[in-house]
Each structure stands twice: as structure tokens, then as C-alpha cells.
């Protein structure tokens, strides 16, 4: 997978796509190759993608801010280049070959990393595709007319416990996330005890999202009725899957923890 070739850069004009309010899961143009060389200004080896910011000197000498998206730790480990991504740090110079984001300026999905010592990391080919569950939720969220009639807007007069218990009874976290997003209030589910709350299913590197009050709904475990407690306990897997999908989708599509 790794080799030390004589580095020949691909001559490609820097592609700057038009800005857009939302970039879909198929937002990278796999038919266009862009090559940039720059200095890493920040590095995060994590989920849902490893993200690196770079300063790239343009043809006019001005510094351009670029974002490189690569594999997450699990996929990088499976594909054999976790150490190379983990060790990429601020101050390193690197050349990247990747596909440009169709909607977001100066953003690449890298598929080749050329290190200063001659090492080349070859990543997966083709457009990046999310897992099927997140993709299915994304499609409904962006097309709320496709959300089934059996998933109405949540009654905001209900307590947090009763709202979450109702979602658990629906037993479809993907459609509920889509409905909540379409209604303008997607919220991670927190289980609160005293002054602290836990958010099952949220990766450690995405915990910053749980600190945003407008992005959470907290169920106070100390004040549950017997029926509410039973519903929450039975819905442990539901809550974990709900939070996993929403936090990863939000990180990629709306707002990064970085």
C-alpha cells in the first residue's frame, strides 16, 4: 500500500466550488482531481472523519485556507495507514491529491497523501459514501415530504422523559431524527443525574456537541415515574443509535467540533 516514488505532482488548477448552505453525502466530485501542497495548521485524527486544516500558497503568493478530510481511525486502521494519519501534525508539509467538495470552497476528500520523506498513502477510491443508516436519515431530513405520516412533530408541552419515551415506542430513530431536524430542533438525548448528563452513543471526540444546550434534550433520571423509567431502560439501544447517527451527521453536515 505504501511506496516511495519519485514525486511527480499532478498539474491541476485549484478548483473552488460555489458556496452552498448544505453539502450532501455525495458532495465530493470523484471525477475531478485537485493537487495542493501546504503546511498543516491543525490536525484531528478522529470521527466521523479525520480533519486537517492547511495553509496553501496560491499562485499570487497569498495564503489560502484549505480543509482536508480523510479516513476515520477505525477505517484507517483497517486499511493499514492509521499511524500515518495519526502522526500528521501541525507544521508538517504535505502534498494532497483529492476530490473537491462540490459546494464548499477549498475542501478536499483526500485519496493520496504525499509526505515530505517520500511516503505515499493511497486511500480508498471513488466517491465517499456514508453508512446506509446515516444516508437514509440524510435523505429524509433534506426531503421532509418523504417522512411517513406516522412521525408527527413532537408535542413540546410534554416532559423530556415523555418525549423521548414516545420516540422509543416509535422504534425508528432515523425517521425521528429526520422529523426533528425538519422541525428545526434536532436534539441529542442526554440522561441527567444531578448536574451532569451522559449522552450514550456520542463518540468521545464529538462530546462538544453535548455542551450546546439548544442541541440537547435531557431526561432527569431522578424524577421518572415507573412507566417512564421502564421505557428509558428498554430504549437503551435506541438512545445510543439515535445519538450516534445525529452527532456524526451533525459533525459532517452542519458544525464541526474543531
C-alpha atoms as a PDB file:
ATOM      1  CA  UNK A   1       0.000   0.000   0.000  1.00  0.00           C
ATOM      2  CA  UNK A   2       2.935   2.309   0.617  1.00  0.00           C
ATOM      3  CA  UNK A   3       5.741   3.135  -1.748  1.00  0.00           C
ATOM      4  CA  UNK A   4       8.415   5.768  -2.090  1.00  0.00           C
ATOM      5  CA  UNK A   5       8.142   7.048  -5.641  1.00  0.00           C
ATOM      6  CA  UNK A   6       9.789   9.973  -7.304  1.00  0.00           C
ATOM      7  CA  UNK A   7       7.156  12.553  -6.525  1.00  0.00           C
ATOM      8  CA  UNK A   8       5.545  13.972  -9.648  1.00  0.00           C
ATOM      9  CA  UNK A   9       2.799  16.448  -8.919  1.00  0.00           C
ATOM     10  CA  UNK A  10      -0.384  16.377 -10.919  1.00  0.00           C
ATOM     11  CA  UNK A  11      -0.856  19.710 -12.603  1.00  0.00           C
ATOM     12  CA  UNK A  12      -4.349  20.827 -11.761  1.00  0.00           C
ATOM     13  CA  UNK A  13      -5.916  24.213 -11.388  1.00  0.00           C
ATOM     14  CA  UNK A  14      -7.260  24.822  -7.930  1.00  0.00           C
ATOM     15  CA  UNK A  15     -10.968  24.155  -8.034  1.00  0.00           C
ATOM     16  CA  UNK A  16     -13.141  26.473  -5.955  1.00  0.00           C
ATOM     17  CA  UNK A  17     -16.755  25.296  -5.877  1.00  0.00           C
ATOM     18  CA  UNK A  18     -19.648  27.617  -5.195  1.00  0.00           C
ATOM     19  CA  UNK A  19     -20.821  28.040  -1.619  1.00  0.00           C
ATOM     20  CA  UNK A  20     -23.975  26.217  -0.603  1.00  0.00           C
ATOM     21  CA  UNK A  21     -25.985  26.035   2.595  1.00  0.00           C
ATOM     22  CA  UNK A  22     -25.788  22.268   2.738  1.00  0.00           C
ATOM     23  CA  UNK A  23     -23.427  19.687   1.294  1.00  0.00           C
ATOM     24  CA  UNK A  24     -24.829  16.234   0.773  1.00  0.00           C
ATOM     25  CA  UNK A  25     -23.156  12.917   1.479  1.00  0.00           C
ATOM     26  CA  UNK A  26     -22.182  12.686  -2.174  1.00  0.00           C
ATOM     27  CA  UNK A  27     -20.639  16.123  -2.092  1.00  0.00           C
ATOM     28  CA  UNK A  28     -17.205  15.196  -3.445  1.00  0.00           C
ATOM     29  CA  UNK A  29     -16.644  15.204  -7.203  1.00  0.00           C
ATOM     30  CA  UNK A  30     -14.870  11.914  -7.868  1.00  0.00           C
ATOM     31  CA  UNK A  31     -14.242  12.879 -11.493  1.00  0.00           C
ATOM     32  CA  UNK A  32     -12.006  15.842 -10.641  1.00  0.00           C
ATOM     33  CA  UNK A  33      -8.519  15.589  -9.132  1.00  0.00           C
ATOM     34  CA  UNK A  34      -7.058  18.578  -7.285  1.00  0.00           C
ATOM     35  CA  UNK A  35      -3.472  18.674  -6.041  1.00  0.00           C
ATOM     36  CA  UNK A  36      -2.310  21.040  -3.309  1.00  0.00           C
ATOM     37  CA  UNK A  37       0.866  21.378  -1.250  1.00  0.00           C
ATOM     38  CA  UNK A  38       0.731  23.156   2.067  1.00  0.00           C
ATOM     39  CA  UNK A  39       1.534  23.313   5.754  1.00  0.00           C
ATOM     40  CA  UNK A  40      -0.752  21.666   8.297  1.00  0.00           C
ATOM     41  CA  UNK A  41      -2.152  24.236  10.751  1.00  0.00           C
ATOM     42  CA  UNK A  42      -4.361  21.888  12.788  1.00  0.00           C
ATOM     43  CA  UNK A  43      -4.853  18.125  12.891  1.00  0.00           C
ATOM     44  CA  UNK A  44      -7.611  15.957  14.283  1.00  0.00           C
ATOM     45  CA  UNK A  45      -7.421  12.178  13.877  1.00  0.00           C
ATOM     46  CA  UNK A  46     -10.980  11.197  14.761  1.00  0.00           C
ATOM     47  CA  UNK A  47     -14.623  10.638  13.899  1.00  0.00           C
ATOM     48  CA  UNK A  48     -16.615  10.861  11.733  1.00  0.00           C
ATOM     49  CA  UNK A  49     -13.622  11.827   9.554  1.00  0.00           C
ATOM     50  CA  UNK A  50     -10.067  12.884  10.296  1.00  0.00           C
ATOM     51  CA  UNK A  51      -9.818  16.592   9.541  1.00  0.00           C
ATOM     52  CA  UNK A  52      -6.698  18.621   8.733  1.00  0.00           C
ATOM     53  CA  UNK A  53      -6.508  22.348   8.074  1.00  0.00           C
ATOM     54  CA  UNK A  54      -3.792  23.544   5.716  1.00  0.00           C
ATOM     55  CA  UNK A  55      -2.201  26.807   4.606  1.00  0.00           C
ATOM     56  CA  UNK A  56      -1.577  26.660   0.858  1.00  0.00           C
ATOM     57  CA  UNK A  57       0.308  29.368  -1.025  1.00  0.00           C
ATOM     58  CA  UNK A  58      -1.650  30.353  -4.140  1.00  0.00           C
ATOM     59  CA  UNK A  59      -0.243  31.412  -7.496  1.00  0.00           C
ATOM     60  CA  UNK A  60      -0.433  35.066  -6.399  1.00  0.00           C
ATOM     61  CA  UNK A  61       1.539  34.389  -3.230  1.00  0.00           C
ATOM     62  CA  UNK A  62      -1.473  34.735  -0.958  1.00  0.00           C
ATOM     63  CA  UNK A  63      -2.163  32.126   1.711  1.00  0.00           C
ATOM     64  CA  UNK A  64      -5.304  30.070   1.095  1.00  0.00           C
ATOM     65  CA  UNK A  65      -7.028  28.135   3.890  1.00  0.00           C
ATOM     66  CA  UNK A  66      -7.849  24.535   2.865  1.00  0.00           C
ATOM     67  CA  UNK A  67      -9.568  21.663   4.643  1.00  0.00           C
ATOM     68  CA  UNK A  68      -8.577  18.030   4.094  1.00  0.00           C
ATOM     69  CA  UNK A  69     -11.000  15.248   5.050  1.00  0.00           C
ATOM     70  CA  UNK A  70      -9.628  11.691   5.358  1.00  0.00           C
ATOM     71  CA  UNK A  71     -10.482   8.310   6.892  1.00  0.00           C
ATOM     72  CA  UNK A  72     -11.612   7.907  10.492  1.00  0.00           C
ATOM     73  CA  UNK A  73      -9.369   5.919  12.910  1.00  0.00           C
ATOM     74  CA  UNK A  74     -11.271   2.648  12.510  1.00  0.00           C
ATOM     75  CA  UNK A  75     -11.161   2.671   8.710  1.00  0.00           C
ATOM     76  CA  UNK A  76      -7.568   3.914   8.671  1.00  0.00           C
ATOM     77  CA  UNK A  77      -6.555   1.037  10.944  1.00  0.00           C
ATOM     78  CA  UNK A  78      -8.414  -1.481   8.781  1.00  0.00           C
ATOM     79  CA  UNK A  79      -6.854  -0.102   5.589  1.00  0.00           C
ATOM     80  CA  UNK A  80      -3.347  -0.019   7.028  1.00  0.00           C
ATOM     81  CA  UNK A  81      -2.359   3.639   7.396  1.00  0.00           C
ATOM     82  CA  UNK A  82      -3.599   4.678  10.837  1.00  0.00           C
ATOM     83  CA  UNK A  83      -0.112   5.625  12.050  1.00  0.00           C
ATOM     84  CA  UNK A  84       0.500   7.877   9.063  1.00  0.00           C
ATOM     85  CA  UNK A  85      -2.716   9.819   9.692  1.00  0.00           C
ATOM     86  CA  UNK A  86      -2.297   9.834  13.471  1.00  0.00           C
ATOM     87  CA  UNK A  87       1.223  11.259  13.193  1.00  0.00           C
ATOM     88  CA  UNK A  88       0.338  14.030  10.732  1.00  0.00           C
ATOM     89  CA  UNK A  89       0.708  17.151  12.863  1.00  0.00           C
ATOM     90  CA  UNK A  90       0.751  20.907  12.872  1.00  0.00           C
ATOM     91  CA  UNK A  91       3.757  22.267  10.978  1.00  0.00           C
ATOM     92  CA  UNK A  92       4.121  19.304   8.608  1.00  0.00           C
ATOM     93  CA  UNK A  93       4.325  19.982   4.882  1.00  0.00           C
ATOM     94  CA  UNK A  94       2.310  17.594   2.736  1.00  0.00           C
ATOM     95  CA  UNK A  95       1.001  17.247  -0.789  1.00  0.00           C
ATOM     96  CA  UNK A  96      -2.583  16.075  -1.175  1.00  0.00           C
ATOM     97  CA  UNK A  97      -4.393  14.687  -4.189  1.00  0.00           C
ATOM     98  CA  UNK A  98      -8.127  14.625  -3.681  1.00  0.00           C
ATOM     99  CA  UNK A  99     -11.642  15.289  -4.872  1.00  0.00           C
ATOM    100  CA  UNK A 100     -13.086  18.774  -4.334  1.00  0.00           C
ATOM    101  CA  UNK A 101     -16.257  19.387  -2.401  1.00  0.00           C
ATOM    102  CA  UNK A 102     -18.939  20.421  -4.889  1.00  0.00           C
ATOM    103  CA  UNK A 103     -20.351  23.097  -2.615  1.00  0.00           C
ATOM    104  CA  UNK A 104     -17.705  24.097  -0.097  1.00  0.00           C
ATOM    105  CA  UNK A 105     -14.694  26.115  -1.245  1.00  0.00           C
ATOM    106  CA  UNK A 106     -11.175  24.764  -0.705  1.00  0.00           C
ATOM    107  CA  UNK A 107     -12.295  21.471   0.798  1.00  0.00           C
ATOM    108  CA  UNK A 108     -10.904  18.127  -0.379  1.00  0.00           C
ATOM    109  CA  UNK A 109     -11.578  14.472   0.241  1.00  0.00           C
ATOM    110  CA  UNK A 110      -8.015  13.195   0.039  1.00  0.00           C
ATOM    111  CA  UNK A 111      -7.193   9.909  -1.681  1.00  0.00           C
ATOM    112  CA  UNK A 112      -3.402  10.334  -1.879  1.00  0.00           C
ATOM    113  CA  UNK A 113      -1.110  11.860   0.736  1.00  0.00           C
ATOM    114  CA  UNK A 114       2.490  12.535  -0.304  1.00  0.00           C
ATOM    115  CA  UNK A 115       4.722  13.045   2.725  1.00  0.00           C
ATOM    116  CA  UNK A 116       7.972  15.032   2.723  1.00  0.00           C
ATOM    117  CA  UNK A 117      10.045  11.832   3.218  1.00  0.00           C
ATOM    118  CA  UNK A 118       8.589  10.301   0.038  1.00  0.00           C
ATOM    119  CA  UNK A 119       5.963   8.087   1.692  1.00  0.00           C
ATOM    120  CA  UNK A 120       2.684   7.939  -0.204  1.00  0.00           C
ATOM    121  CA  UNK A 121      -0.559   6.881   1.452  1.00  0.00           C
ATOM    122  CA  UNK A 122      -3.159   5.588  -1.000  1.00  0.00           C
ATOM    123  CA  UNK A 123      -6.695   5.743   0.361  1.00  0.00           C
ATOM    124  CA  UNK A 124      -9.994   4.407  -0.934  1.00  0.00           C
ATOM    125  CA  UNK A 125     -11.129   5.190  -4.457  1.00  0.00           C
ATOM    126  CA  UNK A 126     -14.458   6.515  -5.606  1.00  0.00           C
ATOM    127  CA  UNK A 127     -16.879   8.956  -4.003  1.00  0.00           C
ATOM    128  CA  UNK A 128     -17.071   8.707  -0.248  1.00  0.00           C
ATOM    129  CA  UNK A 129     -20.327   7.084   0.856  1.00  0.00           C
ATOM    130  CA  UNK A 130     -21.689   7.218   4.374  1.00  0.00           C
ATOM    131  CA  UNK A 131     -23.129   4.161   6.125  1.00  0.00           C
ATOM    132  CA  UNK A 132     -26.596   3.308   4.867  1.00  0.00           C
ATOM    133  CA  UNK A 133     -28.378   4.350   8.054  1.00  0.00           C
ATOM    134  CA  UNK A 134     -26.964   7.878   8.048  1.00  0.00           C
ATOM    135  CA  UNK A 135     -27.557   8.184   4.315  1.00  0.00           C
ATOM    136  CA  UNK A 136     -31.211   7.168   4.741  1.00  0.00           C
ATOM    137  CA  UNK A 137     -31.706   9.730   7.513  1.00  0.00           C
ATOM    138  CA  UNK A 138     -29.986  12.433   5.468  1.00  0.00           C
ATOM    139  CA  UNK A 139     -32.336  11.905   2.536  1.00  0.00           C
ATOM    140  CA  UNK A 140     -35.421  12.220   4.725  1.00  0.00           C
ATOM    141  CA  UNK A 141     -34.076  15.230   6.610  1.00  0.00           C
ATOM    142  CA  UNK A 142     -33.484  17.121   3.372  1.00  0.00           C
ATOM    143  CA  UNK A 143     -36.795  15.987   1.878  1.00  0.00           C
ATOM    144  CA  UNK A 144     -39.291  16.185   4.763  1.00  0.00           C
ATOM    145  CA  UNK A 145     -42.191  15.411   2.441  1.00  0.00           C
ATOM    146  CA  UNK A 146     -40.882  11.834   2.388  1.00  0.00           C
ATOM    147  CA  UNK A 147     -41.173  11.435   6.174  1.00  0.00           C
ATOM    148  CA  UNK A 148     -44.015   8.967   6.932  1.00  0.00           C
ATOM    149  CA  UNK A 149     -47.227  10.434   8.324  1.00  0.00           C
ATOM    150  CA  UNK A 150     -46.833   8.291  11.433  1.00  0.00           C
ATOM    151  CA  UNK A 151     -43.968  10.525  12.598  1.00  0.00           C
ATOM    152  CA  UNK A 152     -45.641  13.827  13.527  1.00  0.00           C
ATOM    153  CA  UNK A 153     -43.937  16.778  15.159  1.00  0.00           C
ATOM    154  CA  UNK A 154     -43.141  16.255  18.827  1.00  0.00           C
ATOM    155  CA  UNK A 155     -45.572  17.755  21.346  1.00  0.00           C
ATOM    156  CA  UNK A 156     -43.368  20.306  23.089  1.00  0.00           C
ATOM    157  CA  UNK A 157     -45.740  20.528  26.053  1.00  0.00           C
ATOM    158  CA  UNK A 158     -44.685  17.029  27.135  1.00  0.00           C
ATOM    159  CA  UNK A 159     -41.837  16.491  29.560  1.00  0.00           C
ATOM    160  CA  UNK A 160     -38.451  15.491  28.158  1.00  0.00           C
ATOM    161  CA  UNK A 161     -38.987  11.969  29.527  1.00  0.00           C
ATOM    162  CA  UNK A 162     -42.345  11.593  27.787  1.00  0.00           C
ATOM    163  CA  UNK A 163     -40.984  12.988  24.513  1.00  0.00           C
ATOM    164  CA  UNK A 164     -38.092  10.506  24.482  1.00  0.00           C
ATOM    165  CA  UNK A 165     -40.341   7.638  25.644  1.00  0.00           C
ATOM    166  CA  UNK A 166     -42.606   8.372  22.685  1.00  0.00           C
ATOM    167  CA  UNK A 167     -39.664   8.259  20.288  1.00  0.00           C
ATOM    168  CA  UNK A 168     -38.583   4.927  21.741  1.00  0.00           C
ATOM    169  CA  UNK A 169     -42.073   3.490  21.202  1.00  0.00           C
ATOM    170  CA  UNK A 170     -41.864   4.538  17.542  1.00  0.00           C
ATOM    171  CA  UNK A 171     -38.737   2.343  17.289  1.00  0.00           C
ATOM    172  CA  UNK A 172     -37.305   4.208  14.290  1.00  0.00           C
ATOM    173  CA  UNK A 173     -34.505   6.574  15.304  1.00  0.00           C
ATOM    174  CA  UNK A 174     -33.612   7.525  11.718  1.00  0.00           C
ATOM    175  CA  UNK A 175     -37.075   8.840  10.864  1.00  0.00           C
ATOM    176  CA  UNK A 176     -37.413  10.610  14.219  1.00  0.00           C
ATOM    177  CA  UNK A 177     -34.087  12.412  13.710  1.00  0.00           C
ATOM    178  CA  UNK A 178     -35.240  13.483  10.251  1.00  0.00           C
ATOM    179  CA  UNK A 179     -38.533  14.803  11.662  1.00  0.00           C
ATOM    180  CA  UNK A 180     -36.808  16.691  14.461  1.00  0.00           C
ATOM    181  CA  UNK A 181     -34.355  18.233  12.002  1.00  0.00           C
ATOM    182  CA  UNK A 182     -37.136  19.183   9.605  1.00  0.00           C
ATOM    183  CA  UNK A 183     -38.900  20.880  12.533  1.00  0.00           C
ATOM    184  CA  UNK A 184     -35.744  22.849  13.326  1.00  0.00           C
ATOM    185  CA  UNK A 185     -34.923  21.220  16.658  1.00  0.00           C
ATOM    186  CA  UNK A 186     -32.644  18.173  16.316  1.00  0.00           C
ATOM    187  CA  UNK A 187     -31.502  17.251  19.821  1.00  0.00           C
ATOM    188  CA  UNK A 188     -29.119  14.725  21.321  1.00  0.00           C
ATOM    189  CA  UNK A 189     -30.660  12.662  24.132  1.00  0.00           C
ATOM    190  CA  UNK A 190     -28.987  13.137  27.497  1.00  0.00           C
ATOM    191  CA  UNK A 191     -29.649  11.113  30.640  1.00  0.00           C
ATOM    192  CA  UNK A 192     -29.244  13.555  33.524  1.00  0.00           C
ATOM    193  CA  UNK A 193     -28.351  12.754  37.099  1.00  0.00           C
ATOM    194  CA  UNK A 194     -27.904  15.778  39.334  1.00  0.00           C
ATOM    195  CA  UNK A 195     -25.951  18.459  37.497  1.00  0.00           C
ATOM    196  CA  UNK A 196     -24.345  16.115  34.964  1.00  0.00           C
ATOM    197  CA  UNK A 197     -25.689  14.286  31.934  1.00  0.00           C
ATOM    198  CA  UNK A 198     -24.453  11.386  29.847  1.00  0.00           C
ATOM    199  CA  UNK A 199     -25.116  11.038  26.134  1.00  0.00           C
ATOM    200  CA  UNK A 200     -24.867   7.337  25.191  1.00  0.00           C
ATOM    201  CA  UNK A 201     -23.658   6.731  21.640  1.00  0.00           C
ATOM    202  CA  UNK A 202     -21.739  10.006  21.187  1.00  0.00           C
ATOM    203  CA  UNK A 203     -18.054   9.447  20.343  1.00  0.00           C
ATOM    204  CA  UNK A 204     -15.547  10.997  22.745  1.00  0.00           C
ATOM    205  CA  UNK A 205     -14.295  13.329  20.019  1.00  0.00           C
ATOM    206  CA  UNK A 206     -17.826  14.635  19.405  1.00  0.00           C
ATOM    207  CA  UNK A 207     -18.674  15.413  23.018  1.00  0.00           C
ATOM    208  CA  UNK A 208     -18.517  19.158  22.308  1.00  0.00           C
ATOM    209  CA  UNK A 209     -21.945  18.862  20.697  1.00  0.00           C
ATOM    210  CA  UNK A 210     -23.419  17.741  24.015  1.00  0.00           C
ATOM    211  CA  UNK A 211     -22.387  21.056  25.591  1.00  0.00           C
ATOM    212  CA  UNK A 212     -24.724  23.057  23.371  1.00  0.00           C
ATOM    213  CA  UNK A 213     -27.968  23.461  25.288  1.00  0.00           C
ATOM    214  CA  UNK A 214     -30.003  24.163  22.148  1.00  0.00           C
ATOM    215  CA  UNK A 215     -28.837  20.829  20.722  1.00  0.00           C
ATOM    216  CA  UNK A 216     -29.829  18.598  23.621  1.00  0.00           C
ATOM    217  CA  UNK A 217     -32.867  17.195  25.393  1.00  0.00           C
ATOM    218  CA  UNK A 218     -32.097  15.971  28.908  1.00  0.00           C
ATOM    219  CA  UNK A 219     -34.135  13.349  30.733  1.00  0.00           C
ATOM    220  CA  UNK A 220     -33.825  13.780  34.539  1.00  0.00           C
ATOM    221  CA  UNK A 221     -33.428  10.219  35.782  1.00  0.00           C
ATOM    222  CA  UNK A 222     -34.208  11.171  39.353  1.00  0.00           C
ATOM    223  CA  UNK A 223     -37.763  12.259  38.652  1.00  0.00           C
ATOM    224  CA  UNK A 224     -39.058   9.460  36.445  1.00  0.00           C
ATOM    225  CA  UNK A 225     -42.285   7.617  37.029  1.00  0.00           C
ATOM    226  CA  UNK A 226     -42.182   3.831  36.963  1.00  0.00           C
ATOM    227  CA  UNK A 227     -43.510   3.717  33.386  1.00  0.00           C
ATOM    228  CA  UNK A 228     -41.089   6.392  32.203  1.00  0.00           C
ATOM    229  CA  UNK A 229     -38.134   4.615  33.806  1.00  0.00           C
ATOM    230  CA  UNK A 230     -39.113   1.320  32.187  1.00  0.00           C
ATOM    231  CA  UNK A 231     -39.405   2.996  28.764  1.00  0.00           C
ATOM    232  CA  UNK A 232     -35.997   4.689  29.089  1.00  0.00           C
ATOM    233  CA  UNK A 233     -34.313   1.492  30.298  1.00  0.00           C
ATOM    234  CA  UNK A 234     -35.860  -0.543  27.473  1.00  0.00           C
ATOM    235  CA  UNK A 235     -34.740   2.113  24.990  1.00  0.00           C
ATOM    236  CA  UNK A 236     -31.031   1.942  25.769  1.00  0.00           C
ATOM    237  CA  UNK A 237     -30.097   0.709  22.280  1.00  0.00           C
ATOM    238  CA  UNK A 238     -32.467   3.221  20.667  1.00  0.00           C
ATOM    239  CA  UNK A 239     -30.852   6.150  22.505  1.00  0.00           C
ATOM    240  CA  UNK A 240     -27.314   5.019  21.624  1.00  0.00           C
ATOM    241  CA  UNK A 241     -28.159   4.643  17.929  1.00  0.00           C
ATOM    242  CA  UNK A 242     -30.094   7.919  17.846  1.00  0.00           C
ATOM    243  CA  UNK A 243     -27.188   9.860  19.365  1.00  0.00           C
ATOM    244  CA  UNK A 244     -24.575   8.096  17.229  1.00  0.00           C
ATOM    245  CA  UNK A 245     -26.301   8.973  13.964  1.00  0.00           C
ATOM    246  CA  UNK A 246     -27.246  12.537  14.882  1.00  0.00           C
ATOM    247  CA  UNK A 247     -23.855  13.520  16.335  1.00  0.00           C
ATOM    248  CA  UNK A 248     -21.879  12.120  13.393  1.00  0.00           C
ATOM    249  CA  UNK A 249     -24.255  13.591  10.831  1.00  0.00           C
ATOM    250  CA  UNK A 250     -24.204  16.997  12.525  1.00  0.00           C
ATOM    251  CA  UNK A 251     -20.411  16.981  12.720  1.00  0.00           C
ATOM    252  CA  UNK A 252     -20.072  16.421   8.982  1.00  0.00           C
ATOM    253  CA  UNK A 253     -23.049  18.375   7.670  1.00  0.00           C
ATOM    254  CA  UNK A 254     -23.530  21.340   9.960  1.00  0.00           C
ATOM    255  CA  UNK A 255     -20.927  22.187  12.577  1.00  0.00           C
ATOM    256  CA  UNK A 256     -17.575  20.679  13.443  1.00  0.00           C
ATOM    257  CA  UNK A 257     -16.336  20.088  16.969  1.00  0.00           C
ATOM    258  CA  UNK A 258     -12.989  21.534  15.931  1.00  0.00           C
END
